[in-house]
Amino acid sequence: MRCRYCGQRIPEGELYCRHCGKEVRIVPDYTPLDDMLTAQIKGAIDGDEDIYNDSYTTRSTRNRNNRNAGRTAGAARNASGRNRNTSHSGGRQMSEEERRRRNRERARQKARRKKKKKRALLLALFLLLIIAVVGVFAYLTSYIGAVNKGNRALGRNDYTTAEDSFRNALAKDDTRPEAYTGLSKVYQAQDNADKAERLFTSALKKQGENIELYRACIKFYIRSDQKEKIPELLDEADSSISDALPEYIVKTPKFSLDDGEDYDDVQQLKLTAASGCKIYYTKNKKKPTTGSRKYTGPIQIEEGDTTIYAIAVNKAGIPSLPVRKSYTVELPIEDAPAVSPSTGQYSSAQEIEIKVPDGYTAYYTTDKSEPTTSSTKYTGPVEMPEGETIFKAVLVNAKGRVSGITTRNYVLN
């Protein structure tokens, strides 16, 4: 017998298919011949042969005997069929009981599985609760937990709690920048920017290769409007730090004049910087800031000594290191003033004149002393005194440079 669902062969006597688990439905095969044989045997038993006499009355006795033999064989097959039907009926009854038993077993198994699932779910929830509690505790006692607690306290202006929380975070890990940043904000909120700066500089002395700590310090300088300290910080740092923070490195401005030589004429100094940068400078030997004079064109280097301090500032307001160069311009000076008349004896009064070039002032003496800027200033011709007179004159330019001295010896009788 084969299963009507999957087609697998089912051993005789089994009520379920081993392959698909479906129930075997036993239905006796039906053929019209069986019905006819059953009717013939019944007629033979009851002696009712009239059913066949109408159609077979003219037949020979021999044919009737043959039919009787056939009826006997059919009766035997019918009896066998009845035995099978009885067996099949009993099979169906056994199948129903087996099905109920299996249904009860399935129900019990389902209940057991449901109970196991419920226990597993409760256990999982309990474990999740334990993990959550442990996680919360670990978070609250962690570096990040302390930093977040400090930031929340800082947000509500609770500076004491904030400072304690940030210091607690630093005790757990003093290499990360978040706690330094938070603590510096606490000090800034209390108008103590110097203390905030010392916090960073002290840490960087111990952690000279901590790039993130340098970055946090730079952001503090920007936040506290001390950008001019950024180039100094990076200039003192290792080259690896500067290479890692190129966005804060600004090239210094370039000078068109060298400061290693003296100039004998007024000069024009040009300054240049990287694209997008502005230049600020001073001429009073003070370090420039963004509040100093802005470079807009060549700078006039006048006679004398001039010191130019300059910085370049990028679009983000980050300055470069200051560059200082000093220049000396010495204009050619007259060797000595021209004085007339010349040395000699005179019998009549004479006027003494000094030729004063543009840009100079003349000074003179008549008592043999050396003339200086404290001597008598020449403003016009001087009446020659009687007797012997030693007249000395000198020229002084606008920068105070003094020419040679011209001496005349006069005798007026």
Protein backbone atom coordinates (compact mmCIF):
# COMPACT_ATOMS: atom_id res chain seq x y z
CA MET A 1 0.00 0.00 0.00
CA ARG A 2 1.20 3.51 -0.80
CA CYS A 3 0.46 6.79 1.01
CA ARG A 4 -2.12 8.88 -0.80
CA TYR A 5 -0.26 12.09 0.20
CA CYS A 6 3.44 11.47 -0.43
CA GLY A 7 3.38 8.21 -2.40
CA GLN A 8 5.72 6.32 -0.02
CA ARG A 9 5.10 2.56 0.60
CA ILE A 10 3.36 1.82 3.94
CA PRO A 11 3.96 -1.57 5.60
CA GLU A 12 0.85 -3.58 6.16
CA GLY A 13 -0.82 -3.00 9.55
CA GLU A 14 0.56 0.53 10.09
CA LEU A 15 -1.95 3.34 10.42
CA TYR A 16 0.38 6.32 9.77
CA CYS A 17 2.86 7.10 7.05
CA ARG A 18 6.41 7.03 8.41
CA HIS A 19 7.52 9.62 5.84
CA CYS A 20 4.89 12.41 6.11
CA GLY A 21 3.03 11.36 9.28
CA LYS A 22 -0.39 11.42 7.63
CA GLU A 23 -3.11 8.95 8.68
CA VAL A 24 -3.83 6.00 6.40
CA ARG A 25 -7.43 5.86 5.28
CA ILE A 26 -8.39 2.23 4.44
CA VAL A 27 -11.23 2.01 1.93
CA PRO A 28 -12.00 -1.40 0.25
CA ASP A 29 -11.53 -1.47 -3.46
CA TYR A 30 -14.84 -1.43 -5.35
CA THR A 31 -15.56 -3.26 -8.58
CA PRO A 32 -18.93 -4.04 -10.25
CA LEU A 33 -17.89 -7.72 -10.54
CA ASP A 34 -17.86 -8.07 -6.74
CA ASP A 35 -21.44 -6.79 -6.54
CA MET A 36 -22.54 -9.23 -9.22
CA LEU A 37 -20.82 -12.17 -7.53
CA THR A 38 -22.36 -11.22 -4.19
CA ALA A 39 -25.84 -11.17 -5.71
CA GLN A 40 -25.27 -14.57 -7.38
CA ILE A 41 -24.08 -16.23 -4.16
CA LYS A 42 -27.03 -14.76 -2.30
CA GLY A 43 -29.39 -16.21 -4.91
CA ALA A 44 -27.71 -19.59 -4.67
CA ILE A 45 -28.03 -19.64 -0.90
CA ASP A 46 -31.70 -18.60 -0.90
CA GLY A 47 -32.59 -21.06 -3.72
CA ASP A 48 -33.86 -18.16 -5.74
CA GLU A 49 -32.77 -19.19 -9.17
CA ASP A 50 -35.59 -17.47 -10.98
CA ILE A 51 -33.45 -14.44 -11.40
CA TYR A 52 -31.36 -16.36 -13.87
CA ASN A 53 -33.96 -18.69 -15.39
CA ASP A 54 -35.40 -16.03 -17.69
CA SER A 55 -32.16 -15.54 -19.45
CA TYR A 56 -30.71 -19.04 -19.21
CA THR A 57 -33.70 -21.47 -19.48
CA THR A 58 -32.72 -22.72 -22.91
CA ARG A 59 -29.13 -23.31 -21.88
CA SER A 60 -27.79 -26.74 -21.24
CA THR A 61 -27.29 -28.25 -17.84
CA ARG A 62 -23.59 -28.13 -18.43
CA ASN A 63 -23.65 -24.36 -18.68
CA ARG A 64 -25.69 -24.18 -15.51
CA ASN A 65 -23.11 -26.26 -13.69
CA ASN A 66 -20.38 -23.95 -14.95
CA ARG A 67 -22.27 -20.96 -13.61
CA ASN A 68 -22.65 -22.66 -10.26
CA ALA A 69 -18.91 -23.23 -10.15
CA GLY A 70 -18.38 -19.57 -10.91
CA ARG A 71 -20.84 -18.61 -8.21
CA THR A 72 -18.92 -20.76 -5.73
CA ALA A 73 -15.64 -19.00 -6.62
CA GLY A 74 -17.35 -15.59 -6.33
CA ALA A 75 -18.73 -16.53 -2.93
CA ALA A 76 -15.23 -17.38 -1.79
CA ARG A 77 -13.90 -14.03 -3.02
CA ASN A 78 -16.84 -12.20 -1.39
CA ALA A 79 -16.13 -13.92 1.91
CA SER A 80 -12.52 -12.82 1.64
CA GLY A 81 -13.74 -9.30 0.95
CA ARG A 82 -15.93 -9.37 4.04
CA ASN A 83 -12.97 -10.45 6.11
CA ARG A 84 -10.97 -7.50 4.74
CA ASN A 85 -13.82 -5.09 5.48
CA THR A 86 -13.95 -6.34 9.05
CA SER A 87 -10.21 -5.88 9.35
CA HIS A 88 -10.43 -2.40 7.82
CA SER A 89 -13.24 -1.41 10.17
CA GLY A 90 -11.16 -2.46 13.13
CA GLY A 91 -8.21 -0.47 11.71
CA ARG A 92 -10.29 2.66 11.51
CA GLN A 93 -11.39 2.22 15.12
CA MET A 94 -7.80 1.74 16.22
CA SER A 95 -6.74 4.84 14.16
CA GLU A 96 -9.28 7.03 15.94
CA GLU A 97 -8.05 5.94 19.35
CA GLU A 98 -4.43 6.38 18.28
CA ARG A 99 -5.22 9.84 16.94
CA ARG A 100 -6.82 10.87 20.22
CA ARG A 101 -3.87 9.47 22.13
CA ARG A 102 -1.43 11.34 19.88
CA ASN A 103 -3.46 14.53 20.17
CA ARG A 104 -3.30 14.26 23.94
CA GLU A 105 0.45 13.68 23.75
CA ARG A 106 0.86 16.67 21.42
CA ALA A 107 -1.15 18.83 23.82
CA ARG A 108 1.05 17.74 26.72
CA GLN A 109 4.19 18.42 24.69
CA LYS A 110 2.86 21.82 23.63
CA ALA A 111 2.09 22.68 27.27
CA ARG A 112 5.62 21.58 28.27
CA ARG A 113 7.17 23.66 25.49
CA LYS A 114 5.07 26.67 26.45
CA LYS A 115 6.12 26.30 30.06
CA LYS A 116 9.78 26.01 29.04
CA LYS A 117 9.48 29.10 26.84
CA LYS A 118 7.91 31.02 29.69
CA ARG A 119 10.70 30.01 32.05
CA ALA A 120 13.31 30.89 29.42
CA LEU A 121 11.69 34.29 28.85
CA LEU A 122 11.60 35.04 32.56
CA LEU A 123 15.24 34.00 32.87
CA ALA A 124 16.20 36.18 29.90
CA LEU A 125 14.37 39.15 31.39
CA PHE A 126 16.09 38.59 34.71
CA LEU A 127 19.49 38.43 33.01
CA LEU A 128 18.73 41.58 31.02
CA LEU A 129 17.77 43.35 34.22
CA ILE A 130 21.03 42.30 35.85
CA ILE A 131 23.00 43.41 32.79
CA ALA A 132 21.17 46.74 32.75
CA VAL A 133 21.88 47.35 36.43
CA VAL A 134 25.53 46.42 36.00
CA GLY A 135 25.73 48.58 32.87
CA VAL A 136 24.22 51.60 34.59
CA PHE A 137 26.55 51.19 37.54
CA ALA A 138 29.55 50.77 35.25
CA TYR A 139 28.51 53.86 33.27
CA LEU A 140 28.01 56.01 36.37
CA THR A 141 31.45 55.06 37.65
CA SER A 142 33.18 55.35 34.26
CA TYR A 143 35.18 58.21 32.77
CA ILE A 144 32.40 59.16 30.35
CA GLY A 145 29.80 58.94 33.10
CA ALA A 146 31.80 61.37 35.24
CA VAL A 147 32.32 63.75 32.32
CA ASN A 148 28.61 63.74 31.43
CA LYS A 149 27.70 64.35 35.05
CA GLY A 150 30.10 67.30 35.10
CA ASN A 151 28.62 68.75 31.91
CA ARG A 152 25.10 68.47 33.31
CA ALA A 153 26.18 70.25 36.50
CA LEU A 154 27.97 72.91 34.43
CA GLY A 155 24.77 73.45 32.44
CA ARG A 156 22.85 74.31 35.61
CA ASN A 157 25.75 76.46 36.95
CA ASP A 158 26.56 74.00 39.74
CA TYR A 159 30.29 74.64 39.52
CA THR A 160 31.23 72.73 42.67
CA THR A 161 29.64 69.48 41.49
CA ALA A 162 30.98 70.06 37.98
CA GLU A 163 34.55 70.53 39.18
CA ASP A 164 34.35 67.44 41.41
CA SER A 165 32.98 65.36 38.53
CA PHE A 166 35.63 66.48 36.05
CA ARG A 167 38.41 65.87 38.56
CA ASN A 168 36.96 62.44 39.23
CA ALA A 169 37.12 61.76 35.48
CA LEU A 170 40.75 62.92 35.37
CA ALA A 171 41.57 60.54 38.20
CA LYS A 172 40.25 57.70 36.03
CA ASP A 173 41.99 58.79 32.82
CA ASP A 174 44.15 61.93 32.54
CA THR A 175 45.03 61.40 28.88
CA ARG A 176 41.62 62.15 27.37
CA PRO A 177 40.69 65.78 26.59
CA GLU A 178 36.98 65.89 27.61
CA ALA A 179 37.60 66.34 31.34
CA TYR A 180 40.21 69.08 30.74
CA THR A 181 37.81 70.92 28.48
CA GLY A 182 34.98 70.68 30.98
CA LEU A 183 37.16 71.81 33.88
CA SER A 184 38.50 74.75 31.86
CA LYS A 185 34.91 75.83 31.17
CA VAL A 186 34.23 75.75 34.91
CA TYR A 187 37.18 78.08 35.53
CA GLN A 188 36.19 80.34 32.65
CA ALA A 189 32.66 80.61 34.01
CA GLN A 190 34.26 81.78 37.26
CA ASP A 191 36.38 84.39 35.38
CA ASN A 192 39.60 82.53 36.04
CA ALA A 193 41.05 82.00 32.57
CA ASP A 194 44.62 81.92 33.94
CA LYS A 195 43.80 78.86 36.04
CA ALA A 196 42.21 77.21 33.02
CA GLU A 197 45.34 77.88 30.97
CA ARG A 198 47.61 76.46 33.67
CA LEU A 199 45.45 73.34 33.66
CA PHE A 200 46.38 72.68 30.03
CA THR A 201 50.01 73.81 30.12
CA SER A 202 50.75 71.66 33.17
CA ALA A 203 49.22 68.61 31.53
CA LEU A 204 51.08 69.20 28.26
CA LYS A 205 54.42 69.33 30.06
CA LYS A 206 53.81 65.71 31.08
CA GLN A 207 52.08 64.63 27.86
CA GLY A 208 54.07 66.33 25.14
CA GLU A 209 52.86 63.88 22.47
CA ASN A 210 49.14 64.01 23.29
CA ILE A 211 47.69 65.48 20.09
CA GLU A 212 44.10 65.56 21.36
CA LEU A 213 45.17 67.43 24.47
CA TYR A 214 46.93 70.01 22.28
CA ARG A 215 43.77 70.31 20.22
CA ALA A 216 41.70 70.88 23.37
CA CYS A 217 44.14 73.57 24.55
CA ILE A 218 43.93 75.34 21.18
CA LYS A 219 40.14 75.33 21.36
CA PHE A 220 40.40 76.84 24.83
CA TYR A 221 42.55 79.67 23.45
CA ILE A 222 40.01 80.28 20.70
CA ARG A 223 37.12 80.16 23.17
CA SER A 224 38.87 82.59 25.53
CA ASP A 225 39.91 84.95 22.69
CA GLN A 226 43.64 84.26 23.12
CA LYS A 227 44.40 83.13 19.60
CA GLU A 228 47.77 84.85 19.59
CA LYS A 229 49.00 82.16 22.01
CA ILE A 230 48.29 79.34 19.57
CA PRO A 231 51.42 79.78 17.40
CA GLU A 232 53.59 80.04 20.49
CA LEU A 233 52.09 76.80 21.85
CA LEU A 234 52.72 74.91 18.62
CA ASP A 235 56.16 76.43 18.14
CA GLU A 236 57.27 74.89 21.43
CA ALA A 237 55.68 71.52 20.63
CA ASP A 238 57.29 68.58 18.88
CA SER A 239 57.23 68.66 15.09
CA SER A 240 54.87 65.67 15.05
CA ILE A 241 52.27 67.79 16.84
CA SER A 242 52.56 70.58 14.28
CA ASP A 243 52.29 68.09 11.44
CA ALA A 244 49.13 66.65 12.99
CA LEU A 245 47.48 70.08 13.39
CA PRO A 246 48.12 71.85 10.07
CA GLU A 247 44.85 73.80 10.27
CA TYR A 248 46.34 75.86 13.10
CA ILE A 249 49.71 76.55 11.44
CA VAL A 250 49.96 79.94 9.67
CA LYS A 251 53.09 80.90 7.75
CA THR A 252 54.85 84.08 8.80
CA PRO A 253 54.79 87.11 6.45
CA LYS A 254 57.72 87.70 4.13
CA PHE A 255 59.76 90.96 4.08
CA SER A 256 61.07 92.44 0.85
CA LEU A 257 64.10 94.00 2.58
CA ASP A 258 66.89 92.24 4.47
CA ASP A 259 67.80 93.57 7.87
CA GLY A 260 71.48 92.74 7.73
CA GLU A 261 72.71 95.93 6.09
CA ASP A 262 72.51 99.71 6.42
CA TYR A 263 70.77 101.82 3.79
CA ASP A 264 71.83 105.27 2.65
CA ASP A 265 68.43 106.28 1.40
CA VAL A 266 64.79 106.04 2.40
CA GLN A 267 63.38 102.54 1.65
CA GLN A 268 60.01 101.00 0.73
CA LEU A 269 59.28 97.77 2.63
CA LYS A 270 56.75 95.31 1.17
CA LEU A 271 55.14 92.51 3.17
CA THR A 272 53.47 89.41 1.71
CA ALA A 273 51.55 86.47 3.25
CA ALA A 274 49.79 83.29 2.19
CA SER A 275 46.55 83.52 0.23
CA GLY A 276 43.60 84.55 2.34
CA CYS A 277 45.76 85.93 5.16
CA LYS A 278 45.87 89.51 6.44
CA ILE A 279 48.98 91.24 7.80
CA TYR A 280 49.20 93.42 10.90
CA TYR A 281 52.36 95.27 12.00
CA THR A 282 53.90 97.75 14.44
CA LYS A 283 56.82 100.20 14.24
CA ASN A 284 57.21 100.74 17.99
CA LYS A 285 58.91 97.43 18.82
CA LYS A 286 55.72 96.03 20.36
CA LYS A 287 54.30 92.66 19.33
CA PRO A 288 51.47 93.10 16.85
CA THR A 289 47.93 91.81 17.30
CA THR A 290 44.80 91.97 15.17
CA GLY A 291 44.28 95.37 16.78
CA SER A 292 47.55 96.72 15.37
CA ARG A 293 47.98 98.62 12.11
CA LYS A 294 46.77 96.63 9.10
CA TYR A 295 49.15 96.35 6.18
CA THR A 296 47.66 97.88 3.04
CA GLY A 297 50.74 98.96 1.10
CA PRO A 298 54.53 99.49 1.24
CA ILE A 299 55.93 100.82 4.52
CA GLN A 300 58.25 103.85 4.39
CA ILE A 301 61.56 103.22 6.17
CA GLU A 302 62.84 106.64 7.12
CA GLU A 303 66.35 107.74 8.07
CA GLY A 304 67.52 106.25 11.32
CA ASP A 305 66.63 102.96 13.00
CA THR A 306 63.25 101.34 12.36
CA THR A 307 61.90 98.05 13.76
CA ILE A 308 58.99 96.34 12.03
CA TYR A 309 57.01 93.63 13.84
CA ALA A 310 54.48 91.75 11.66
CA ILE A 311 52.09 88.78 11.83
CA ALA A 312 49.86 87.04 9.28
CA VAL A 313 46.31 86.05 10.29
CA ASN A 314 44.23 83.46 8.43
CA LYS A 315 40.47 83.51 7.80
CA ALA A 316 39.78 81.71 11.09
CA GLY A 317 41.60 84.44 13.00
CA ILE A 318 44.58 82.23 13.82
CA PRO A 319 47.81 84.30 13.73
CA SER A 320 51.31 83.31 12.76
CA LEU A 321 54.36 83.75 14.90
CA PRO A 322 55.50 87.41 14.87
CA VAL A 323 58.45 88.34 12.68
CA ARG A 324 60.70 91.26 13.65
CA LYS A 325 63.24 93.01 11.47
CA SER A 326 65.20 96.19 12.12
CA TYR A 327 66.46 98.59 9.50
CA THR A 328 69.01 101.45 9.61
CA VAL A 329 69.01 104.22 7.04
CA GLU A 330 71.89 106.75 7.13
CA LEU A 331 71.66 109.50 4.60
CA PRO A 332 74.99 111.05 3.39
CA ILE A 333 75.88 114.10 5.51
CA GLU A 334 77.84 117.21 4.73
CA ASP A 335 81.47 116.92 5.67
CA ALA A 336 81.48 120.41 7.28
CA PRO A 337 79.53 123.62 6.78
CA ALA A 338 80.77 126.33 4.43
CA VAL A 339 81.59 129.52 6.42
CA SER A 340 82.51 132.93 4.97
CA PRO A 341 84.57 135.08 5.07
CA SER A 342 87.68 133.00 5.29
CA THR A 343 90.24 133.22 8.08
CA GLY A 344 92.20 136.52 8.17
CA GLN A 345 92.72 140.06 9.55
CA TYR A 346 90.08 142.64 8.82
CA SER A 347 90.10 146.41 9.35
CA SER A 348 86.35 146.89 8.95
CA ALA A 349 83.36 145.08 10.40
CA GLN A 350 82.38 141.93 8.57
CA GLU A 351 79.32 139.59 8.65
CA ILE A 352 79.95 135.88 9.15
CA GLU A 353 77.63 133.60 7.18
CA ILE A 354 77.05 129.80 7.31
CA LYS A 355 75.64 127.98 4.31
CA VAL A 356 72.92 125.67 5.63
CA PRO A 357 71.70 122.87 3.26
CA ASP A 358 68.08 121.75 3.27
CA GLY A 359 67.30 119.42 6.12
CA TYR A 360 70.06 120.75 8.35
CA THR A 361 70.44 123.20 11.20
CA ALA A 362 73.67 125.07 11.96
CA TYR A 363 75.14 125.78 15.41
CA TYR A 364 78.23 127.89 16.24
CA THR A 365 80.53 129.14 19.02
CA THR A 366 82.94 132.07 19.33
CA ASP A 367 84.78 131.04 22.50
CA LYS A 368 86.90 128.26 20.99
CA SER A 369 84.56 125.52 22.32
CA GLU A 370 83.19 122.70 20.13
CA PRO A 371 79.71 123.49 18.80
CA THR A 372 76.78 121.13 19.61
CA THR A 373 73.04 121.29 19.43
CA SER A 374 73.23 123.16 22.75
CA SER A 375 75.32 125.91 21.20
CA THR A 376 73.99 129.05 19.58
CA LYS A 377 71.68 128.24 16.70
CA TYR A 378 72.49 129.96 13.48
CA THR A 379 69.54 132.02 12.19
CA GLY A 380 71.30 134.55 9.99
CA PRO A 381 74.60 136.46 9.43
CA VAL A 382 76.65 137.08 12.63
CA GLU A 383 78.49 140.42 13.25
CA MET A 384 82.24 139.81 13.50
CA PRO A 385 83.45 140.79 17.00
CA GLU A 386 86.45 143.16 17.49
CA GLY A 387 89.75 141.65 18.30
CA GLU A 388 90.69 138.00 17.75
CA THR A 389 87.81 135.53 17.41
CA ILE A 390 87.79 131.75 16.93
CA PHE A 391 84.51 130.94 15.12
CA LYS A 392 83.37 127.27 14.95
CA ALA A 393 80.27 125.95 13.14
CA VAL A 394 78.58 122.61 12.68
CA LEU A 395 75.57 121.17 10.80
CA VAL A 396 73.01 118.81 12.32
CA ASN A 397 70.41 116.97 10.25
CA ALA A 398 66.86 116.03 11.26
CA LYS A 399 67.99 112.70 12.73
CA GLY A 400 70.60 114.43 14.91
CA ARG A 401 73.52 113.39 12.86
CA VAL A 402 76.34 115.99 13.13
CA SER A 403 78.62 117.09 10.34
CA GLY A 404 82.26 118.01 10.63
CA ILE A 405 83.24 121.30 12.31
CA THR A 406 84.43 124.32 10.33
CA THR A 407 86.83 126.66 12.19
CA ARG A 408 87.65 130.28 11.26
CA ASN A 409 90.17 132.60 12.95
CA TYR A 410 89.25 136.27 12.64
CA VAL A 411 91.16 139.38 13.73
CA LEU A 412 89.28 142.71 13.52
CA ASN A 413 91.41 145.85 14.22
